Amino acid sequence: MLRRPGPDGPIAAAPEESIINAPSSPTQSHPKQLILNLFEMNCVSHITHGLWRLPDNRRDQYTGIRYWTTLARTAEAGGFDAIFIADVVGAYDVFRGGPADALREGLQIPNNDPLLVVPAMAAVTEHLGFGITFSTSYEPPFAFARRMSTLDHLTNGRVAWNIVTSYLPNAARNFGLAEEIPHDERFAIAEEYLDVLYKLWEGSWDDDAVIRDREAGVYSDPDKVRYIDHVGRYFQVAGPHLSEPSAQRTPLLYTATASPAGIAFAGRHAEAVFTGVRGPGGAGPLLERFRAAAADNGRDGAALKIVVQAAVIVAPTQEEAEAKAAQYREHASIVGRFVHAGLPFDPEAHPEDRTVAEALAAEGVPADALPPQVTAGTVGEFISRVGSDLERDFFAVGTPEVVADEIERWLDEVGIDGINLRQYHSLDTLTDFVELVVPELRRRGRLRDAYRPGETLRERLTGGAARLPDDHPAARYRGGRNLGDRHEGTIDGHTASSREPAGNLS
């Protein structure tokens, strides 16, 4: 008897702490709802440096499974869409010429693999998604394709991939390179990397390749599984993909970028973009560039979701919220900000009335190492600006009503679609948001009342199907079509024959 493939459900039932599985019924009359992610990293100090020292902060417990399962249960109880996990594959060693300050601060070193905490969180949740950051610059695509397919199976379609190309000089040296790959070449590598993955995820197996015929003793039909025979400038991959089709096949695709090359890349591939938007004035043009880039590639630009990093410090009263914000400022590390920014000079080594340009010159750093608007100011002004940088955009302090007002402004006036909630205290930041802000957002129709049972992360965030839409470039490989097409920039200059479908394994 033949059966179409499909996951049998989540690997574990949701705990009692998760919300009730009552389906929501949004209508056109409802206001725009917020995409809500928790911003995380598998390390001590992610963004808010110095704050791991706060009383009862659990950041130093990141190496234990209980930290991640508690986080996941709490996020799902609050209706979060996903936990969005950042990552780097190198140390911050530009400031003061080495990693000593990063190590002292616990600033993204030590850090652990983001993929490996996902199964533990998935086992104690049923709906929560997981956004995983992974770079296309250093590790080959074939093994990564299997890891992501495995996670999509284990979570029943609840994973997203945040596509990055890496930016730390130390990361390049960790993978055998003398220096960073030039920015635009990293995106050229990423283009081919995605091409390989699309062939594996979308083209190597047909939807009905897995038949599980116990009487005939046949698990998969070899006529419906094929090599991909990819040959390009950067990669040669024969295939076939080792994993059978998962709920989403290709995970939900994020990109984290704001550069011209990154915007063009997002226009071709991304379903959601995590980007730095500088307030209402600069947001509109940037958002329009992303959506125009998608439209230029024959995709629905209006469907592209824009997500920004945001901070919320909330309490029952304004005075309590302000006091909490003051405590966070008191514990914040300015050196951590310098390290994270990769500053080419040491502001603390200069008088505050010296200009940044003079400080650069005194350390033998080229004047163009920083933008002119920065070098014209004094060192004291620079330190003050860096210290308050995290409070400049998408920053809300106050009661639940004040915070909800601000989030509504971000959605309606700035035009974003969602936030990655920055954490100041683990787990207080998340718990405060769940207990105080979520009910107010739901009252205003800005957040769903409950999850829809069985939906994939793509279905929830895009409102579409579990699989990529037909206007996405990955769709060209479905059913084995176009697998023989050689990627632009060949290795040997010879032309590979196009096979529709590509050679199967029978």
Foldseek 3Di string as FASTA:
>chain_A
DFDFDAFPAAPAEADPLADDQDDFDDDPPFPFAAQAEAEEELWQAEPQWLLSPPPPFCSVVSVDLVLLQVQLSLCRSLQHQEHAYDAAQFALQLEVRGRPVCVVRRYRPPGDAPLVSLLSNLRNHHGYAYEHEDALAADAQQVVLQSVQVSLNNNQFRYEYAYDHHDHQRNCVVRPHPGDDDDLVSLVSVVVSVVVSLCQLFFQAARRQATPDVVVPDGGNLVGGAFLQAFFQPDGGGDNRPDDHYLASHHQYEYEDQDPSSLLSCLQAHQEYEYDAQDQVRLPVSLVSSLVSVVVLVHRSVLYAYEYAAEEQADQFLVVQVVVVVVSLVSGDLVSLCSVVSDNFDLVVDDQQAFQQVRCVVVVHDSVPDDPVRRRHGSVVNSVCSSCVNVRPRYFTGYLVRNLVVVVCCCPRSPHRYYHYYDSGVPVRSNCCSVTNSVVCVVSSRGTPHDPGSAHSCCVSRVDHSYDDCSHPSNCNHQQFQSQAHDPHGDPPDGTDGDRRHDTDD
